[in-house]
Amino acid sequence: MTTVRPPSDPESDPRVKAVFDDIRTTRRTDFVNNLWRSLAFDPPLLERTWNDVKALMATPTALDPLVKEMLYVAVSIANGCSYCVHSHTAAARAKGMTDAQHAELLAIVSLAGRTNLLATGLQVPVDAAFDAAASG
């Protein structure tokens, strides 16, 4: 269940319609997912969020599109966002992620979670070699 009531006709707002149209064009689909529909309750928030997503996820950057999706999956797992785990796993698969890559991704997320907790629990000091400020 949602914490806000999405508008029943979100595209009646021209700002929302413009974002939804851009999503459809950018992603080359008629599908506008529930995250965007939920964000339509606040057009400025919808616009800002889409602009950020479009700039990083839908525009060529230094990272490969599959790598970006796999990173998004990893962070979504760490943040406990089921919606994003599902949507970005589907996006990663659409960009070519194999079962073997997915399994390795999950193994790395699990390993990182475990070692992060160990380092936090032990309060291990950061090595000077890893500290950009210290290594100058």
Protein backbone atom coordinates (compact mmCIF):
# COMPACT_ATOMS: atom_id res chain seq x y z
CA MET A 1 0.00 0.00 0.00
CA THR A 2 1.22 3.50 -0.80
CA THR A 3 1.74 6.40 1.57
CA VAL A 4 0.22 8.88 -0.89
CA ARG A 5 -2.71 8.58 -3.22
CA PRO A 6 -1.45 8.82 -6.81
CA PRO A 7 -3.58 11.13 -8.95
CA SER A 8 -6.37 9.28 -10.74
CA ASP A 9 -5.57 11.11 -13.99
CA PRO A 10 -1.94 12.20 -13.60
CA GLU A 11 -1.53 13.29 -17.21
CA SER A 12 -4.19 15.95 -16.81
CA ASP A 13 -1.36 18.00 -15.27
CA PRO A 14 0.79 19.28 -18.16
CA ARG A 15 4.00 18.98 -16.14
CA VAL A 16 3.29 15.33 -15.36
CA LYS A 17 2.29 14.63 -18.95
CA ALA A 18 5.56 16.16 -20.18
CA VAL A 19 7.59 13.92 -17.87
CA PHE A 20 5.59 10.81 -18.74
CA ASP A 21 5.99 11.58 -22.45
CA ASP A 22 9.74 11.99 -21.97
CA ILE A 23 9.90 8.67 -20.08
CA ARG A 24 8.07 6.97 -22.94
CA THR A 25 10.35 8.56 -25.55
CA THR A 26 13.59 7.97 -23.67
CA ARG A 27 12.76 4.37 -22.82
CA ARG A 28 11.05 3.67 -26.15
CA THR A 29 7.98 2.18 -24.48
CA ASP A 30 4.42 3.11 -23.61
CA PHE A 31 4.95 1.76 -20.07
CA VAL A 32 5.20 4.27 -17.23
CA ASN A 33 5.87 2.35 -14.03
CA ASN A 34 4.29 2.79 -10.63
CA LEU A 35 7.19 4.78 -9.18
CA TRP A 36 6.61 7.58 -11.69
CA ARG A 37 2.84 7.34 -11.27
CA SER A 38 3.26 7.64 -7.50
CA LEU A 39 5.62 10.61 -7.82
CA ALA A 40 3.00 12.38 -9.96
CA PHE A 41 1.34 13.60 -6.75
CA ASP A 42 4.12 16.27 -6.70
CA PRO A 43 5.06 17.42 -10.21
CA PRO A 44 8.25 19.28 -9.14
CA LEU A 45 9.52 16.16 -7.32
CA LEU A 46 8.61 14.02 -10.33
CA GLU A 47 10.52 16.35 -12.68
CA ARG A 48 13.64 16.52 -10.49
CA THR A 49 13.73 12.77 -9.96
CA TRP A 50 13.22 11.95 -13.64
CA ASN A 51 15.88 14.48 -14.68
CA ASP A 52 18.39 12.84 -12.33
CA VAL A 53 17.48 9.32 -13.43
CA LYS A 54 17.61 10.28 -17.09
CA ALA A 55 21.00 11.98 -16.71
CA LEU A 56 22.62 9.02 -14.97
CA MET A 57 20.76 5.95 -16.14
CA ALA A 58 19.50 6.78 -19.63
CA THR A 59 22.36 8.89 -20.94
CA PRO A 60 25.75 7.53 -22.03
CA THR A 61 28.31 8.01 -19.26
CA ALA A 62 31.61 6.44 -18.25
CA LEU A 63 29.81 3.34 -16.96
CA ASP A 64 28.26 0.67 -19.15
CA PRO A 65 24.42 0.58 -18.93
CA LEU A 66 24.45 -3.01 -17.59
CA VAL A 67 26.98 -2.07 -14.89
CA LYS A 68 24.76 0.87 -13.87
CA GLU A 69 21.74 -1.41 -13.51
CA MET A 70 23.73 -3.97 -11.52
CA LEU A 71 24.99 -1.21 -9.21
CA TYR A 72 21.41 -0.02 -8.78
CA VAL A 73 20.37 -3.57 -7.84
CA ALA A 74 23.18 -3.79 -5.28
CA VAL A 75 22.30 -0.47 -3.65
CA SER A 76 18.59 -1.35 -3.70
CA ILE A 77 19.34 -4.60 -1.90
CA ALA A 78 21.42 -2.74 0.69
CA ASN A 79 18.64 -0.17 1.15
CA GLY A 80 15.93 -2.84 1.33
CA CYS A 81 13.90 -1.44 -1.59
CA SER A 82 11.98 -4.38 -3.02
CA TYR A 83 10.45 -2.24 -5.77
CA CYS A 84 13.86 -1.12 -7.03
CA VAL A 85 15.39 -4.60 -6.69
CA HIS A 86 12.65 -5.93 -8.96
CA SER A 87 12.61 -3.10 -11.49
CA HIS A 88 16.40 -2.83 -11.86
CA THR A 89 16.89 -6.61 -11.95
CA ALA A 90 14.43 -6.65 -14.86
CA ALA A 91 16.30 -3.74 -16.48
CA ALA A 92 19.65 -5.50 -15.99
CA ARG A 93 18.27 -8.67 -17.55
CA ALA A 94 16.95 -6.61 -20.48
CA LYS A 95 20.48 -5.22 -20.91
CA GLY A 96 21.95 -8.73 -20.98
CA MET A 97 22.63 -9.74 -17.39
CA THR A 98 23.02 -13.53 -17.29
CA ASP A 99 22.04 -15.86 -14.46
CA ALA A 100 25.74 -16.30 -13.70
CA GLN A 101 26.25 -12.52 -13.47
CA HIS A 102 23.18 -12.19 -11.26
CA ALA A 103 24.45 -14.93 -8.96
CA GLU A 104 27.87 -13.27 -8.75
CA LEU A 105 26.26 -9.89 -8.06
CA LEU A 106 24.29 -11.41 -5.18
CA ALA A 107 27.43 -13.10 -3.84
CA ILE A 108 29.31 -9.78 -3.89
CA VAL A 109 26.41 -7.94 -2.20
CA SER A 110 26.34 -10.64 0.47
CA LEU A 111 30.10 -10.54 0.95
CA ALA A 112 30.18 -6.74 1.13
CA GLY A 113 27.35 -6.72 3.66
CA ARG A 114 29.16 -9.22 5.86
CA THR A 115 32.57 -7.55 5.71
CA ASN A 116 31.01 -4.09 6.16
CA LEU A 117 29.36 -5.31 9.35
CA LEU A 118 32.60 -6.87 10.57
CA ALA A 119 34.61 -3.70 9.89
CA THR A 120 31.92 -1.60 11.58
CA GLY A 121 31.64 -3.92 14.57
CA LEU A 122 35.42 -4.02 15.00
CA GLN A 123 35.72 -0.28 14.30
CA VAL A 124 38.73 -0.98 12.09
CA PRO A 125 40.72 2.22 11.42
CA VAL A 126 41.05 3.19 7.77
CA ASP A 127 44.51 2.46 6.37
CA ALA A 128 46.39 5.60 5.35
CA ALA A 129 46.91 4.00 1.91
CA PHE A 130 43.11 4.09 1.39
CA ASP A 131 42.64 7.68 2.61
CA ALA A 132 42.78 10.05 -0.36
CA ALA A 133 43.46 13.01 1.93
CA ALA A 134 46.34 11.25 3.68
CA SER A 135 47.95 9.99 0.49
CA GLY A 136 47.87 13.44 -0.94
